[in-house]
Amino acid sequence: MDQAVREFLVSVINSRVKLDLVLHFHRNRYTLDYAGGVAQKVGRREEEVRRALEELVEAGVVVRHTSKLHSDRPPIYAYTRDPRTQALVARLAEYCSSEGGRREVETIIDNAGGEERK
């Protein structure tokens, strides 16, 4: 794993929930979905997904869309269009594609303090 991906993993991803979300959006680049829909797809609780999505929005990995006409509707989330961020996530996804790579990534997250946010 190159240093840029490792730094991205520790500083931005930093939890297994966010790892699941980032890999989901990487595999489904044109997905537009509510937090509840994303939670179902990744097998996580909606509240933890919503919190993680908002943190990923702040980091520029995910984009939040809100309705100007219907402010009572929840936001819809989508994958970033930033090519540099997509390239980092692509390298991370490639590394996670093997069982050993995924385990190593999870260990890095856990050792960086993300274990309480599984």
C-alpha atoms as a PDB file:
ATOM      1  CA  MET A   1       0.000   0.000   0.000  1.00  0.00           C
ATOM      2  CA  ASP A   2       1.463   3.345  -0.983  1.00  0.00           C
ATOM      3  CA  GLN A   3       1.889   6.162   1.527  1.00  0.00           C
ATOM      4  CA  ALA A   4      -0.851   8.371   0.039  1.00  0.00           C
ATOM      5  CA  VAL A   5      -3.437   5.593   0.383  1.00  0.00           C
ATOM      6  CA  ARG A   6      -2.288   4.805   3.926  1.00  0.00           C
ATOM      7  CA  GLU A   7      -2.609   8.478   4.944  1.00  0.00           C
ATOM      8  CA  PHE A   8      -6.050   8.696   3.293  1.00  0.00           C
ATOM      9  CA  LEU A   9      -7.098   5.546   5.136  1.00  0.00           C
ATOM     10  CA  VAL A  10      -5.964   6.799   8.547  1.00  0.00           C
ATOM     11  CA  SER A  11      -7.058  10.437   8.235  1.00  0.00           C
ATOM     12  CA  VAL A  12     -10.261  10.202   6.171  1.00  0.00           C
ATOM     13  CA  ILE A  13     -11.626   6.662   6.179  1.00  0.00           C
ATOM     14  CA  ASN A  14     -10.648   5.922   9.816  1.00  0.00           C
ATOM     15  CA  SER A  15     -13.545   3.518  10.541  1.00  0.00           C
ATOM     16  CA  ARG A  16     -14.843   0.249   9.166  1.00  0.00           C
ATOM     17  CA  VAL A  17     -18.213   1.878   8.485  1.00  0.00           C
ATOM     18  CA  LYS A  18     -16.589   4.508   6.270  1.00  0.00           C
ATOM     19  CA  LEU A  19     -14.519   1.817   4.577  1.00  0.00           C
ATOM     20  CA  ASP A  20     -17.704  -0.080   3.695  1.00  0.00           C
ATOM     21  CA  LEU A  21     -19.334   3.119   2.424  1.00  0.00           C
ATOM     22  CA  VAL A  22     -16.386   4.238   0.324  1.00  0.00           C
ATOM     23  CA  LEU A  23     -16.032   0.804  -1.271  1.00  0.00           C
ATOM     24  CA  HIS A  24     -19.800   0.721  -1.935  1.00  0.00           C
ATOM     25  CA  PHE A  25     -19.707   4.083  -3.713  1.00  0.00           C
ATOM     26  CA  HIS A  26     -16.572   3.076  -5.611  1.00  0.00           C
ATOM     27  CA  ARG A  27     -18.300  -0.062  -6.929  1.00  0.00           C
ATOM     28  CA  ASN A  28     -21.520   1.874  -7.645  1.00  0.00           C
ATOM     29  CA  ARG A  29     -20.184   5.210  -8.875  1.00  0.00           C
ATOM     30  CA  TYR A  30     -23.473   6.539 -10.196  1.00  0.00           C
ATOM     31  CA  THR A  31     -25.546   5.632  -7.141  1.00  0.00           C
ATOM     32  CA  LEU A  32     -27.751   8.351  -5.686  1.00  0.00           C
ATOM     33  CA  ASP A  33     -29.352   7.197  -2.447  1.00  0.00           C
ATOM     34  CA  TYR A  34     -30.659   8.194   0.959  1.00  0.00           C
ATOM     35  CA  ALA A  35     -28.752   7.165   4.084  1.00  0.00           C
ATOM     36  CA  GLY A  36     -31.357   4.463   4.764  1.00  0.00           C
ATOM     37  CA  GLY A  37     -30.905   2.909   1.336  1.00  0.00           C
ATOM     38  CA  VAL A  38     -27.138   2.951   1.619  1.00  0.00           C
ATOM     39  CA  ALA A  39     -27.386   1.409   5.106  1.00  0.00           C
ATOM     40  CA  GLN A  40     -29.440  -1.486   3.740  1.00  0.00           C
ATOM     41  CA  LYS A  41     -27.003  -2.088   0.912  1.00  0.00           C
ATOM     42  CA  VAL A  42     -23.941  -2.199   3.171  1.00  0.00           C
ATOM     43  CA  GLY A  43     -25.640  -4.017   6.056  1.00  0.00           C
ATOM     44  CA  ARG A  44     -25.178  -1.281   8.646  1.00  0.00           C
ATOM     45  CA  ARG A  45     -27.490   0.704  10.929  1.00  0.00           C
ATOM     46  CA  GLU A  46     -28.937   3.840   9.351  1.00  0.00           C
ATOM     47  CA  GLU A  47     -27.807   6.213  12.108  1.00  0.00           C
ATOM     48  CA  GLU A  48     -24.162   5.095  11.965  1.00  0.00           C
ATOM     49  CA  VAL A  49     -24.257   5.331   8.165  1.00  0.00           C
ATOM     50  CA  ARG A  50     -25.749   8.828   8.278  1.00  0.00           C
ATOM     51  CA  ARG A  51     -23.001  10.042  10.645  1.00  0.00           C
ATOM     52  CA  ALA A  52     -20.274   8.444   8.534  1.00  0.00           C
ATOM     53  CA  LEU A  53     -21.746   9.850   5.306  1.00  0.00           C
ATOM     54  CA  GLU A  54     -21.719  13.361   6.769  1.00  0.00           C
ATOM     55  CA  GLU A  55     -18.065  12.956   7.753  1.00  0.00           C
ATOM     56  CA  LEU A  56     -17.285  11.727   4.228  1.00  0.00           C
ATOM     57  CA  VAL A  57     -19.113  14.772   2.829  1.00  0.00           C
ATOM     58  CA  GLU A  58     -16.878  17.020   4.958  1.00  0.00           C
ATOM     59  CA  ALA A  59     -13.825  15.163   3.608  1.00  0.00           C
ATOM     60  CA  GLY A  60     -14.986  15.535  -0.011  1.00  0.00           C
ATOM     61  CA  VAL A  61     -15.379  11.807  -0.684  1.00  0.00           C
ATOM     62  CA  VAL A  62     -19.180  11.886  -0.847  1.00  0.00           C
ATOM     63  CA  VAL A  63     -21.484  14.668  -2.061  1.00  0.00           C
ATOM     64  CA  ARG A  64     -24.775  15.568  -0.347  1.00  0.00           C
ATOM     65  CA  HIS A  65     -27.722  16.731  -2.479  1.00  0.00           C
ATOM     66  CA  THR A  66     -30.736  18.394  -0.872  1.00  0.00           C
ATOM     67  CA  SER A  67     -34.035  19.433  -2.407  1.00  0.00           C
ATOM     68  CA  LYS A  68     -34.672  23.160  -2.522  1.00  0.00           C
ATOM     69  CA  LEU A  69     -38.348  22.543  -3.221  1.00  0.00           C
ATOM     70  CA  HIS A  70     -38.873  19.901  -0.537  1.00  0.00           C
ATOM     71  CA  SER A  71     -36.734  20.827   2.457  1.00  0.00           C
ATOM     72  CA  ASP A  72     -38.423  18.130   4.548  1.00  0.00           C
ATOM     73  CA  ARG A  73     -36.863  15.366   2.451  1.00  0.00           C
ATOM     74  CA  PRO A  74     -33.651  13.736   3.645  1.00  0.00           C
ATOM     75  CA  PRO A  75     -30.475  14.369   1.669  1.00  0.00           C
ATOM     76  CA  ILE A  76     -29.359  12.118  -1.152  1.00  0.00           C
ATOM     77  CA  TYR A  77     -25.722  11.028  -1.247  1.00  0.00           C
ATOM     78  CA  ALA A  78     -23.464  10.371  -4.225  1.00  0.00           C
ATOM     79  CA  TYR A  79     -19.818   9.544  -4.884  1.00  0.00           C
ATOM     80  CA  THR A  80     -17.423  12.410  -5.514  1.00  0.00           C
ATOM     81  CA  ARG A  81     -16.496  13.306  -9.079  1.00  0.00           C
ATOM     82  CA  ASP A  82     -13.030  14.455  -7.995  1.00  0.00           C
ATOM     83  CA  PRO A  83     -10.546  12.366 -10.030  1.00  0.00           C
ATOM     84  CA  ARG A  84      -7.784  12.484  -7.396  1.00  0.00           C
ATOM     85  CA  THR A  85     -10.080  11.205  -4.665  1.00  0.00           C
ATOM     86  CA  GLN A  86     -11.480   8.542  -6.991  1.00  0.00           C
ATOM     87  CA  ALA A  87      -7.926   7.433  -7.816  1.00  0.00           C
ATOM     88  CA  LEU A  88      -7.058   7.079  -4.110  1.00  0.00           C
ATOM     89  CA  VAL A  89     -10.227   5.070  -3.488  1.00  0.00           C
ATOM     90  CA  ALA A  90      -9.513   2.903  -6.550  1.00  0.00           C
ATOM     91  CA  ARG A  91      -6.087   2.018  -5.167  1.00  0.00           C
ATOM     92  CA  LEU A  92      -7.618   1.307  -1.760  1.00  0.00           C
ATOM     93  CA  ALA A  93     -10.315  -0.884  -3.356  1.00  0.00           C
ATOM     94  CA  GLU A  94      -7.692  -2.803  -5.299  1.00  0.00           C
ATOM     95  CA  TYR A  95      -5.784  -3.427  -2.101  1.00  0.00           C
ATOM     96  CA  CYS A  96      -8.982  -4.566  -0.334  1.00  0.00           C
ATOM     97  CA  SER A  97      -9.844  -6.991  -3.145  1.00  0.00           C
ATOM     98  CA  SER A  98      -7.847  -9.770  -1.510  1.00  0.00           C
ATOM     99  CA  GLU A  99      -8.816 -11.218   1.855  1.00  0.00           C
ATOM    100  CA  GLY A 100      -5.381 -10.496   3.284  1.00  0.00           C
ATOM    101  CA  GLY A 101      -5.432  -6.935   1.972  1.00  0.00           C
ATOM    102  CA  ARG A 102      -8.845  -6.245   3.484  1.00  0.00           C
ATOM    103  CA  ARG A 103      -7.687  -7.623   6.845  1.00  0.00           C
ATOM    104  CA  GLU A 104      -4.591  -5.429   6.759  1.00  0.00           C
ATOM    105  CA  VAL A 105      -6.688  -2.348   5.969  1.00  0.00           C
ATOM    106  CA  GLU A 106      -9.027  -3.127   8.878  1.00  0.00           C
ATOM    107  CA  THR A 107      -6.032  -3.599  11.177  1.00  0.00           C
ATOM    108  CA  ILE A 108      -4.641  -0.203  10.145  1.00  0.00           C
ATOM    109  CA  ILE A 109      -8.030   1.400  10.872  1.00  0.00           C
ATOM    110  CA  ASP A 110      -8.307  -0.352  14.235  1.00  0.00           C
ATOM    111  CA  ASN A 111      -4.760   0.606  15.243  1.00  0.00           C
ATOM    112  CA  ALA A 112      -5.421   4.216  14.261  1.00  0.00           C
ATOM    113  CA  GLY A 113      -8.253   4.403  16.790  1.00  0.00           C
ATOM    114  CA  GLY A 114     -11.167   3.450  14.571  1.00  0.00           C
ATOM    115  CA  GLU A 115     -11.997   0.200  16.357  1.00  0.00           C
ATOM    116  CA  GLU A 116     -14.626   1.867  18.523  1.00  0.00           C
ATOM    117  CA  ARG A 117     -16.371   2.982  15.334  1.00  0.00           C
ATOM    118  CA  LYS A 118     -16.781  -0.412  13.685  1.00  0.00           C
END
